[in-house]
N, C-alpha and C. Protein backbone atom coordinates (compact mmCIF):
# COMPACT_ATOMS: atom_id res chain seq x y z
N MET A 1 318.08 269.16 -39.43
CA MET A 1 317.75 268.64 -40.84
C MET A 1 316.24 268.32 -41.37
N ILE A 2 316.27 269.49 -42.20
CA ILE A 2 314.36 269.30 -42.04
C ILE A 2 314.05 268.64 -43.51
N THR A 3 312.33 267.86 -43.14
CA THR A 3 312.14 267.02 -43.93
C THR A 3 311.49 267.58 -44.86
N HIS A 4 311.34 267.51 -46.02
CA HIS A 4 309.88 267.54 -46.77
C HIS A 4 308.86 267.28 -46.69
N PRO A 5 307.40 267.92 -46.06
CA PRO A 5 306.37 267.11 -46.34
C PRO A 5 305.86 266.08 -46.88
N LEU A 6 306.13 266.01 -48.19
CA LEU A 6 305.68 264.79 -49.07
C LEU A 6 306.42 263.86 -49.10
N ALA A 7 308.24 264.24 -48.52
CA ALA A 7 309.26 262.83 -48.82
C ALA A 7 308.00 262.21 -47.08
N ALA A 8 307.88 262.71 -45.50
CA ALA A 8 307.37 262.83 -44.65
C ALA A 8 306.60 261.53 -44.91
N ALA A 9 305.55 262.00 -45.50
CA ALA A 9 304.38 261.61 -45.83
C ALA A 9 304.56 260.31 -46.40
N GLN A 10 305.58 259.96 -47.33
CA GLN A 10 305.56 259.45 -48.38
C GLN A 10 306.21 258.09 -47.07
N ARG A 11 306.86 258.34 -46.70
CA ARG A 11 307.86 256.95 -45.40
C ARG A 11 306.97 257.20 -44.53
N ASP A 12 306.06 257.82 -44.15
CA ASP A 12 304.96 257.31 -42.90
C ASP A 12 303.82 255.83 -43.82
N LEU A 13 303.87 256.48 -45.05
CA LEU A 13 302.77 255.45 -45.45
C LEU A 13 303.75 254.25 -46.61
N ALA A 14 305.05 254.63 -46.55
CA ALA A 14 305.64 252.85 -46.44
C ALA A 14 305.74 252.65 -45.54
N GLN A 15 305.64 252.86 -44.12
CA GLN A 15 305.83 252.04 -43.24
C GLN A 15 304.94 251.36 -42.39
N ALA A 16 303.25 251.97 -43.25
CA ALA A 16 302.66 251.80 -42.79
C ALA A 16 301.89 250.66 -43.93
N TYR A 17 302.77 250.25 -45.35
CA TYR A 17 301.97 249.61 -46.13
C TYR A 17 303.24 248.55 -46.72
N ALA A 18 304.52 248.90 -45.76
CA ALA A 18 305.14 248.04 -45.53
C ALA A 18 305.79 248.04 -47.41
N GLY A 19 306.05 249.40 -47.66
CA GLY A 19 306.23 249.73 -48.83
C GLY A 19 305.62 249.88 -50.28
N GLY A 20 304.59 248.67 -49.78
CA GLY A 20 303.44 248.11 -50.67
C GLY A 20 304.02 247.08 -51.41
N ALA A 21 304.94 246.67 -50.84
CA ALA A 21 305.20 244.99 -51.52
C ALA A 21 304.32 244.32 -50.94
N PRO A 22 303.43 243.68 -50.16
CA PRO A 22 302.21 242.55 -49.24
C PRO A 22 300.97 242.80 -50.63
N GLY A 23 301.00 244.59 -51.01
CA GLY A 23 299.94 244.30 -52.00
C GLY A 23 300.00 244.05 -53.18
N VAL A 24 301.54 244.28 -53.60
CA VAL A 24 302.06 244.08 -54.98
C VAL A 24 302.36 242.38 -55.04
N PHE A 25 302.35 241.91 -53.62
CA PHE A 25 302.99 240.00 -54.03
C PHE A 25 301.50 239.18 -54.01
N VAL A 26 300.24 240.34 -53.03
CA VAL A 26 298.80 239.30 -53.75
C VAL A 26 297.92 240.23 -54.93
N SER A 27 298.32 241.03 -55.12
CA SER A 27 298.53 241.29 -56.98
C SER A 27 298.79 240.22 -57.19
N GLY A 28 300.63 240.02 -57.01
CA GLY A 28 300.79 238.47 -58.18
C GLY A 28 299.92 237.64 -58.63
N LEU A 29 299.63 237.34 -56.69
CA LEU A 29 298.93 235.82 -57.26
C LEU A 29 297.34 235.19 -57.68
N VAL A 30 297.22 236.83 -57.60
CA VAL A 30 295.43 237.09 -58.29
C VAL A 30 296.00 237.03 -59.52
N TRP A 31 297.16 237.62 -60.06
CA TRP A 31 297.15 236.81 -62.01
C TRP A 31 297.94 235.43 -62.06
N LEU A 32 298.39 235.23 -60.88
CA LEU A 32 298.54 234.05 -61.52
C LEU A 32 297.59 232.92 -61.38
N ILE A 33 296.61 233.55 -60.62
CA ILE A 33 295.73 232.51 -60.38
C ILE A 33 294.47 232.60 -61.81
N ALA A 34 294.24 233.94 -61.68
CA ALA A 34 294.08 234.08 -63.10
C ALA A 34 294.48 233.71 -64.37
N GLY A 35 295.83 233.44 -64.77
CA GLY A 35 296.45 232.58 -66.09
C GLY A 35 295.66 231.17 -65.70
N ALA A 36 295.97 230.51 -64.39
CA ALA A 36 295.65 229.42 -64.34
C ALA A 36 294.46 228.93 -65.06
N VAL A 37 293.05 229.46 -64.38
CA VAL A 37 292.15 229.86 -64.82
C VAL A 37 291.50 230.03 -66.32
N TRP A 38 292.28 230.99 -66.80
CA TRP A 38 292.36 231.49 -68.41
C TRP A 38 292.67 230.09 -69.04
N LYS A 39 294.22 229.48 -68.86
CA LYS A 39 293.92 228.24 -69.36
C LYS A 39 293.20 227.03 -69.54
N LEU A 40 292.76 226.54 -68.14
CA LEU A 40 291.79 226.05 -68.69
C LEU A 40 290.22 226.19 -68.02
N HIS A 41 289.86 227.36 -68.41
CA HIS A 41 288.45 227.52 -68.22
C HIS A 41 288.56 228.58 -69.45
N GLY A 42 289.09 229.52 -70.20
CA GLY A 42 288.86 230.25 -70.71
C GLY A 42 289.42 231.99 -69.97
N VAL A 43 289.03 232.83 -71.72
CA VAL A 43 289.08 234.04 -71.28
C VAL A 43 288.20 234.60 -69.91
N ASN A 44 286.64 234.43 -70.19
CA ASN A 44 285.13 234.48 -69.29
C ASN A 44 286.03 234.45 -67.69
N ALA A 45 286.25 233.10 -67.71
CA ALA A 45 286.64 232.58 -65.96
C ALA A 45 287.61 233.86 -65.97
N ALA A 46 288.74 233.76 -66.80
CA ALA A 46 289.83 234.69 -66.05
C ALA A 46 289.43 235.70 -65.51
N PHE A 47 288.77 236.47 -66.88
CA PHE A 47 288.05 237.62 -66.26
C PHE A 47 287.60 237.50 -64.76
N ALA A 48 286.59 236.85 -64.80
CA ALA A 48 286.25 236.76 -63.13
C ALA A 48 286.89 237.01 -62.14
N ALA A 49 288.13 236.32 -61.95
CA ALA A 49 289.16 236.04 -61.57
C ALA A 49 289.65 236.96 -61.36
N LEU A 50 290.13 237.92 -62.02
CA LEU A 50 290.72 239.20 -62.04
C LEU A 50 289.86 240.39 -61.24
N PHE A 51 288.46 240.22 -61.84
CA PHE A 51 288.07 240.72 -61.37
C PHE A 51 287.49 240.95 -59.55
N PHE A 52 287.24 239.96 -59.10
CA PHE A 52 287.08 239.51 -57.61
C PHE A 52 288.08 239.56 -57.40
N GLY A 53 289.19 238.69 -57.65
CA GLY A 53 290.20 238.74 -56.83
C GLY A 53 291.29 240.15 -56.72
N GLY A 54 290.48 240.70 -57.38
CA GLY A 54 291.50 242.19 -57.87
C GLY A 54 290.62 242.85 -56.24
N MET A 55 288.93 243.07 -55.48
CA MET A 55 288.71 243.43 -54.74
C MET A 55 289.24 242.72 -53.75
N ALA A 56 289.89 241.36 -53.21
CA ALA A 56 290.39 240.89 -52.08
C ALA A 56 292.18 241.52 -52.23
N ILE A 57 292.88 241.80 -53.52
CA ILE A 57 294.27 243.09 -53.14
C ILE A 57 294.26 243.51 -51.97
N HIS A 58 293.27 244.44 -51.72
CA HIS A 58 294.03 245.80 -50.85
C HIS A 58 293.56 244.84 -49.12
N PRO A 59 292.39 244.57 -49.16
CA PRO A 59 292.69 243.88 -47.87
C PRO A 59 293.03 242.62 -47.51
N LEU A 60 293.42 241.64 -48.01
CA LEU A 60 294.35 240.73 -48.30
C LEU A 60 296.39 241.79 -47.64
N GLY A 61 296.14 242.44 -48.51
CA GLY A 61 297.48 243.01 -48.87
C GLY A 61 297.86 243.99 -46.99
N VAL A 62 296.51 244.29 -46.19
CA VAL A 62 296.56 245.14 -45.56
C VAL A 62 297.24 243.75 -44.53
N LEU A 63 296.28 242.77 -44.42
CA LEU A 63 296.05 241.84 -43.59
C LEU A 63 297.58 241.34 -42.97
N VAL A 64 298.06 241.09 -44.75
CA VAL A 64 300.13 240.59 -44.43
C VAL A 64 300.69 241.89 -43.48
N GLU A 65 300.31 243.05 -44.17
CA GLU A 65 301.49 243.89 -43.56
C GLU A 65 301.37 244.35 -42.21
N ARG A 66 299.96 243.91 -41.50
CA ARG A 66 299.23 244.39 -40.38
C ARG A 66 299.87 242.87 -39.71
N VAL A 67 299.95 242.23 -40.03
CA VAL A 67 300.20 240.34 -39.44
C VAL A 67 301.62 240.07 -39.54
N VAL A 68 302.03 240.25 -40.60
CA VAL A 68 303.98 239.51 -40.89
C VAL A 68 304.15 241.01 -40.57
N PHE A 69 304.44 242.03 -40.99
CA PHE A 69 304.94 243.08 -40.78
C PHE A 69 304.91 244.18 -39.25
N LYS A 70 303.97 244.04 -38.97
CA LYS A 70 303.35 244.68 -37.37
C LYS A 70 303.42 246.28 -37.79
N ALA A 71 303.23 246.26 -39.49
CA ALA A 71 303.45 247.82 -39.64
C ALA A 71 301.46 248.41 -39.37
N PRO A 72 302.22 249.80 -38.18
CA PRO A 72 301.09 250.37 -38.00
C PRO A 72 300.05 251.27 -38.79
N LYS A 73 298.80 251.75 -39.08
CA LYS A 73 298.73 252.82 -39.58
C LYS A 73 299.21 253.76 -39.79
N ALA A 74 299.44 254.09 -41.07
CA ALA A 74 299.36 255.95 -41.78
C ALA A 74 299.12 256.90 -40.33
N THR A 75 299.71 258.06 -39.91
CA THR A 75 299.22 258.60 -39.81
C THR A 75 299.60 260.66 -40.88
N ILE A 76 300.44 261.05 -40.67
CA ILE A 76 301.09 261.77 -41.86
C ILE A 76 300.97 261.39 -43.03
N GLY A 77 300.87 260.27 -43.13
CA GLY A 77 300.50 259.66 -44.97
C GLY A 77 298.97 259.54 -45.69
N LYS A 78 298.37 260.13 -44.39
CA LYS A 78 296.59 259.74 -44.68
C LYS A 78 296.15 260.73 -46.25
N PRO A 79 296.55 262.11 -46.73
CA PRO A 79 296.38 262.67 -47.59
C PRO A 79 296.75 262.00 -49.14
N LEU A 80 297.73 260.89 -48.73
CA LEU A 80 297.89 259.93 -50.25
C LEU A 80 297.48 259.30 -49.50
N GLU A 81 297.35 258.24 -48.78
CA GLU A 81 295.89 257.48 -48.37
C GLU A 81 294.46 258.09 -49.61
N THR A 82 294.38 259.11 -48.72
CA THR A 82 293.06 259.89 -49.88
C THR A 82 293.51 259.50 -51.69
N LEU A 83 294.69 260.30 -51.72
CA LEU A 83 295.46 260.04 -53.65
C LEU A 83 294.65 258.34 -54.05
N ALA A 84 295.65 257.54 -53.67
CA ALA A 84 295.66 256.20 -53.57
C ALA A 84 294.02 255.92 -53.94
N ILE A 85 293.19 255.90 -53.22
CA ILE A 85 291.55 255.72 -52.93
C ILE A 85 290.87 256.95 -54.19
N GLU A 86 291.40 257.62 -54.38
CA GLU A 86 290.90 258.52 -55.63
C GLU A 86 291.46 257.63 -56.81
N ALA A 87 292.83 256.79 -57.45
CA ALA A 87 293.30 256.49 -58.11
C ALA A 87 292.36 255.51 -58.66
N THR A 88 291.77 254.50 -57.68
CA THR A 88 290.66 253.43 -57.90
C THR A 88 289.91 253.69 -59.31
N ILE A 89 289.26 255.13 -59.10
CA ILE A 89 288.17 255.43 -60.05
C ILE A 89 288.25 255.40 -61.45
N PRO A 90 289.98 255.86 -61.70
CA PRO A 90 289.84 255.44 -63.06
C PRO A 90 290.57 253.85 -63.23
N LEU A 91 290.67 253.66 -62.27
CA LEU A 91 290.72 252.10 -62.12
C LEU A 91 289.76 251.48 -62.95
N PHE A 92 288.43 251.64 -61.76
CA PHE A 92 287.03 251.22 -62.74
C PHE A 92 286.59 251.42 -63.23
N VAL A 93 286.87 253.05 -63.92
CA VAL A 93 287.02 253.10 -65.47
C VAL A 93 287.24 252.37 -66.81
N GLY A 94 288.70 251.72 -66.56
CA GLY A 94 289.82 251.27 -67.31
C GLY A 94 289.39 249.45 -67.24
N VAL A 95 288.72 248.73 -65.83
CA VAL A 95 287.94 247.21 -66.07
C VAL A 95 286.66 247.84 -66.40
N MET A 96 286.00 248.76 -66.49
CA MET A 96 284.30 248.79 -67.58
C MET A 96 284.40 248.51 -68.50
N ILE A 97 286.01 249.58 -69.78
CA ILE A 97 286.10 250.08 -70.58
C ILE A 97 286.93 248.26 -70.70
N ALA A 98 287.16 247.13 -69.70
CA ALA A 98 288.01 245.82 -70.73
C ALA A 98 286.93 244.84 -70.52
N TRP A 99 286.09 245.22 -69.71
CA TRP A 99 284.94 244.68 -69.64
C TRP A 99 284.09 244.86 -70.89
N VAL A 100 283.76 245.78 -71.39
CA VAL A 100 283.17 245.80 -72.42
C VAL A 100 283.80 245.21 -73.88
N LEU A 101 285.24 245.30 -73.62
CA LEU A 101 286.21 244.55 -74.54
C LEU A 101 285.89 242.67 -74.27
N LEU A 102 285.73 242.28 -74.07
CA LEU A 102 285.23 240.92 -73.33
C LEU A 102 284.35 240.53 -74.39
N VAL A 103 283.12 241.16 -74.49
CA VAL A 103 282.28 240.82 -75.34
C VAL A 103 282.68 241.32 -76.59
N ARG A 104 283.29 242.54 -76.73
CA ARG A 104 283.21 242.85 -77.77
C ARG A 104 284.82 242.22 -79.01
N ALA A 105 286.28 242.37 -77.92
CA ALA A 105 287.07 242.06 -78.28
C ALA A 105 288.01 240.97 -77.70
N PRO A 106 287.22 240.20 -77.34
CA PRO A 106 288.05 238.94 -75.73
C PRO A 106 289.19 238.87 -76.01
N ASP A 107 290.26 239.13 -77.02
CA ASP A 107 291.45 238.65 -76.85
C ASP A 107 292.07 239.91 -76.57
N LEU A 108 291.62 241.23 -76.16
CA LEU A 108 292.07 242.63 -76.09
C LEU A 108 291.40 242.95 -74.24
N ALA A 109 290.61 241.85 -73.49
CA ALA A 109 290.42 242.05 -72.30
C ALA A 109 291.12 242.41 -71.19
N ILE A 110 292.03 241.26 -71.44
CA ILE A 110 293.00 240.84 -70.51
C ILE A 110 294.58 241.43 -70.72
N PRO A 111 294.30 241.90 -71.59
CA PRO A 111 295.51 242.79 -72.01
C PRO A 111 295.33 244.15 -71.26
N THR A 112 293.92 244.77 -72.01
CA THR A 112 293.97 246.15 -71.23
C THR A 112 293.27 246.19 -69.97
N PHE A 113 293.00 245.21 -69.25
CA PHE A 113 293.54 244.98 -67.29
C PHE A 113 294.16 244.99 -67.13
N ALA A 114 295.66 244.60 -67.75
CA ALA A 114 297.00 244.54 -67.27
C ALA A 114 297.69 245.67 -67.98
N ALA A 115 297.14 246.40 -68.72
CA ALA A 115 297.46 247.34 -68.62
C ALA A 115 297.01 248.86 -68.27
N ILE A 116 295.80 249.06 -67.59
CA ILE A 116 295.19 249.91 -66.44
C ILE A 116 296.01 249.58 -65.55
N VAL A 117 296.49 248.18 -64.86
CA VAL A 117 296.65 248.42 -63.81
C VAL A 117 298.66 248.85 -64.07
N GLY A 118 298.84 248.42 -64.70
CA GLY A 118 300.70 248.96 -65.31
C GLY A 118 300.53 250.43 -64.93
N ALA A 119 299.13 251.44 -65.50
CA ALA A 119 299.69 252.56 -65.35
C ALA A 119 299.34 252.70 -64.39
N ARG A 120 298.09 252.42 -63.46
CA ARG A 120 298.17 252.27 -62.39
C ARG A 120 299.58 252.41 -61.13
N TYR A 121 300.43 251.64 -61.01
CA TYR A 121 301.60 251.52 -60.44
C TYR A 121 302.46 252.58 -60.33
N PHE A 122 302.32 253.50 -61.64
CA PHE A 122 302.98 254.95 -61.87
C PHE A 122 302.74 255.65 -60.92
N LEU A 123 301.77 255.28 -60.39
CA LEU A 123 301.21 256.71 -59.58
C LEU A 123 301.43 256.33 -57.80
N PHE A 124 301.70 254.62 -57.68
CA PHE A 124 302.69 253.96 -56.20
C PHE A 124 303.74 254.99 -55.90
N ARG A 125 304.57 255.77 -57.29
CA ARG A 125 305.69 255.96 -56.91
C ARG A 125 306.29 257.52 -56.59
N THR A 126 304.71 258.24 -56.61
CA THR A 126 304.42 259.25 -55.38
C THR A 126 304.14 258.90 -53.69
N LEU A 127 303.29 258.00 -54.29
CA LEU A 127 302.67 257.54 -52.71
C LEU A 127 304.03 257.22 -51.63
N TYR A 128 304.46 256.16 -52.58
CA TYR A 128 305.95 255.57 -51.82
C TYR A 128 307.03 255.86 -51.16
N GLY A 129 307.30 257.30 -52.43
CA GLY A 129 308.51 257.68 -52.85
C GLY A 129 309.67 256.72 -53.72
N GLU A 130 308.88 255.63 -53.98
CA GLU A 130 310.08 254.38 -54.79
C GLU A 130 309.90 253.85 -55.76
N ILE A 131 310.92 254.14 -56.71
CA ILE A 131 311.07 254.38 -57.73
C ILE A 131 310.74 253.00 -58.99
N ALA A 132 311.03 251.78 -57.87
CA ALA A 132 310.52 250.58 -59.28
C ALA A 132 309.21 250.59 -59.16
N TYR A 133 308.66 251.16 -58.70
CA TYR A 133 307.03 251.35 -59.10
C TYR A 133 306.95 252.07 -59.89
N TRP A 134 307.82 252.27 -60.74
CA TRP A 134 308.17 252.73 -62.26
C TRP A 134 308.48 251.97 -63.37
N VAL A 135 309.39 250.88 -62.55
CA VAL A 135 310.01 249.87 -63.07
C VAL A 135 309.32 248.87 -63.51
N LEU A 136 307.78 248.48 -62.65
CA LEU A 136 306.99 247.76 -62.34
C LEU A 136 305.56 247.75 -63.57
N GLY A 137 305.42 249.23 -63.97
CA GLY A 137 304.47 249.57 -64.27
C GLY A 137 304.42 249.02 -65.26
N ALA A 138 306.44 249.98 -65.76
CA ALA A 138 306.39 249.76 -67.18
C ALA A 138 306.06 248.25 -67.53
N ALA A 139 307.10 247.69 -66.88
CA ALA A 139 307.32 246.43 -67.36
C ALA A 139 305.65 245.69 -67.80
N ILE A 140 305.04 245.45 -66.75
CA ILE A 140 303.49 244.80 -67.12
C ILE A 140 302.88 246.18 -68.79
N LEU A 141 303.36 247.57 -68.54
CA LEU A 141 302.82 248.06 -70.07
C LEU A 141 303.13 247.26 -71.17
N ALA A 142 304.62 247.11 -70.29
CA ALA A 142 305.20 246.23 -72.14
C ALA A 142 304.79 245.50 -72.25
N ALA A 143 304.23 243.94 -71.35
CA ALA A 143 303.74 242.73 -71.31
C ALA A 143 302.72 243.24 -72.10
N ALA A 144 301.39 244.52 -71.55
CA ALA A 144 300.39 244.01 -71.90
C ALA A 144 300.09 244.85 -73.65
N GLY A 145 300.66 245.58 -73.68
CA GLY A 145 301.07 246.20 -75.44
C GLY A 145 301.68 244.91 -76.13
N VAL A 146 302.49 243.87 -75.81
CA VAL A 146 302.59 243.31 -77.11
C VAL A 146 301.51 241.38 -76.86
N ALA A 147 300.43 241.91 -75.96
CA ALA A 147 299.99 240.76 -76.22
C ALA A 147 298.43 242.12 -76.58
N MET A 148 298.99 243.47 -76.49
CA MET A 148 297.22 243.51 -77.56
C MET A 148 297.87 243.53 -78.83
N PHE A 149 298.89 243.96 -79.45
CA PHE A 149 298.85 244.04 -80.69
C PHE A 149 299.46 242.07 -81.32
N GLY A 150 298.86 241.59 -80.51
CA GLY A 150 298.55 240.30 -81.08
C GLY A 150 300.25 239.66 -81.69
N ILE A 151 300.85 240.13 -80.35
CA ILE A 151 302.47 239.36 -80.74
C ILE A 151 302.85 237.59 -79.64
N ARG A 152 302.97 237.20 -80.29
CA ARG A 152 302.48 235.52 -79.58
C ARG A 152 303.85 235.26 -79.28
N LEU A 153 304.79 236.30 -78.67
CA LEU A 153 305.72 236.26 -77.35
C LEU A 153 306.17 235.72 -76.27
N LEU A 154 304.76 235.98 -75.75
CA LEU A 154 304.33 235.92 -74.45
C LEU A 154 302.95 234.67 -74.40
N PRO A 155 303.38 233.42 -73.55
CA PRO A 155 302.33 232.57 -73.62
C PRO A 155 301.37 232.83 -72.62
N ASN A 156 301.15 233.52 -71.29
CA ASN A 156 299.79 233.08 -70.73
C ASN A 156 299.76 235.04 -69.83
N LEU A 157 299.24 236.10 -70.58
CA LEU A 157 299.20 237.18 -69.95
C LEU A 157 299.20 236.81 -68.18
N GLY A 158 298.28 236.20 -67.86
CA GLY A 158 297.89 236.06 -66.51
C GLY A 158 299.33 235.55 -65.47
N PHE A 159 300.00 234.55 -65.92
CA PHE A 159 301.17 234.43 -66.03
C PHE A 159 302.49 234.85 -65.99
N VAL A 160 302.13 235.97 -66.93
CA VAL A 160 303.21 237.25 -67.49
C VAL A 160 303.01 238.24 -66.03
N VAL A 161 302.52 238.78 -65.77
CA VAL A 161 301.59 239.43 -65.05
C VAL A 161 301.78 239.13 -63.80
N GLY A 162 301.42 237.54 -63.86
CA GLY A 162 301.66 237.96 -61.97
C GLY A 162 303.25 237.51 -61.47
N GLY A 163 303.87 237.34 -62.57
CA GLY A 163 305.56 236.62 -62.83
C GLY A 163 305.86 238.27 -62.21
N ILE A 164 305.85 238.80 -63.37
CA ILE A 164 306.10 240.88 -62.61
C ILE A 164 305.96 240.98 -61.99
N GLU A 165 305.05 240.85 -61.05
CA GLU A 165 304.73 240.99 -59.66
C GLU A 165 305.34 240.83 -59.03
N LEU A 166 304.81 239.02 -58.65
CA LEU A 166 305.98 238.30 -57.35
C LEU A 166 307.89 239.40 -57.61
N VAL A 167 308.35 239.39 -58.50
CA VAL A 167 309.43 239.84 -58.41
C VAL A 167 309.68 240.96 -58.11
N ALA A 168 308.61 242.00 -58.37
CA ALA A 168 308.41 243.43 -58.35
C ALA A 168 308.13 243.71 -56.23
N ALA A 169 307.67 242.73 -55.99
CA ALA A 169 306.82 242.58 -54.99
C ALA A 169 308.28 242.40 -53.78
N ALA A 170 309.38 241.57 -54.27
CA ALA A 170 311.07 241.22 -53.85
C ALA A 170 311.78 241.77 -53.39
N TRP A 171 311.49 242.76 -54.70
CA TRP A 171 312.53 243.54 -54.41
C TRP A 171 311.88 245.23 -54.25
N ILE A 172 310.96 245.35 -54.15
CA ILE A 172 310.33 246.71 -53.84
C ILE A 172 310.19 245.95 -51.90
N LEU A 173 310.31 244.46 -51.74
CA LEU A 173 310.50 244.59 -49.43
C LEU A 173 311.62 244.63 -49.25
N GLN A 174 312.31 244.06 -50.08
CA GLN A 174 314.04 244.50 -49.60
C GLN A 174 314.49 246.00 -50.01
N ARG A 175 314.10 246.21 -50.69
CA ARG A 175 314.12 248.05 -50.76
C ARG A 175 313.72 248.66 -49.86
N TRP A 176 312.77 248.72 -49.35
CA TRP A 176 312.00 248.86 -47.87
C TRP A 176 312.45 248.80 -46.69
N ARG A 177 312.72 247.31 -46.46
CA ARG A 177 313.95 246.67 -45.43
C ARG A 177 315.20 247.35 -45.42
N ALA A 178 315.89 247.80 -46.65
CA ALA A 178 317.16 248.70 -46.25
C ALA A 178 317.44 250.16 -46.20
N ARG A 179 315.63 250.44 -45.65
CA ARG A 179 315.75 252.35 -45.83
C ARG A 179 315.25 252.07 -44.63
N CYS A 180 314.56 251.22 -43.99
CA CYS A 180 313.89 251.70 -42.72
C CYS A 180 314.74 251.14 -41.78
């Protein structure tokens, strides 16, 4: 049986990062914290929680992957790791746009932040070979879109995105374990 190089790289990356589930889990916790901060201290403080918490997602996710899952480092998946790093540039641009909105249109800052995060998850389908990331990205984009249009169906977007991510992390982990 011949394995496609992309599929082999995706499997390698999925092994190294436990399918990406720990990062999604940590991100979900960051969003829940931001939701609580938003409720207690307002949108500016919530944005700061997302910004600084967001910087901790990768290192904390890697810590969980190495300590809890004893995941090895990627070997053949290295080019996909490079793609993930390159994809942070548009993420930074989106955060900058959300930051400007924090001053000019505060009601749009957190929904824009969420939309950027949701859109980035679509790339994770290619990184890990896992279709669940399209579902995750679409769910977050839908919640962000509802909030952007001012539809008050959702309570606190931090809680909503955090909940979506925690459920998705469990689902992704379950699917990853089934493939291992």
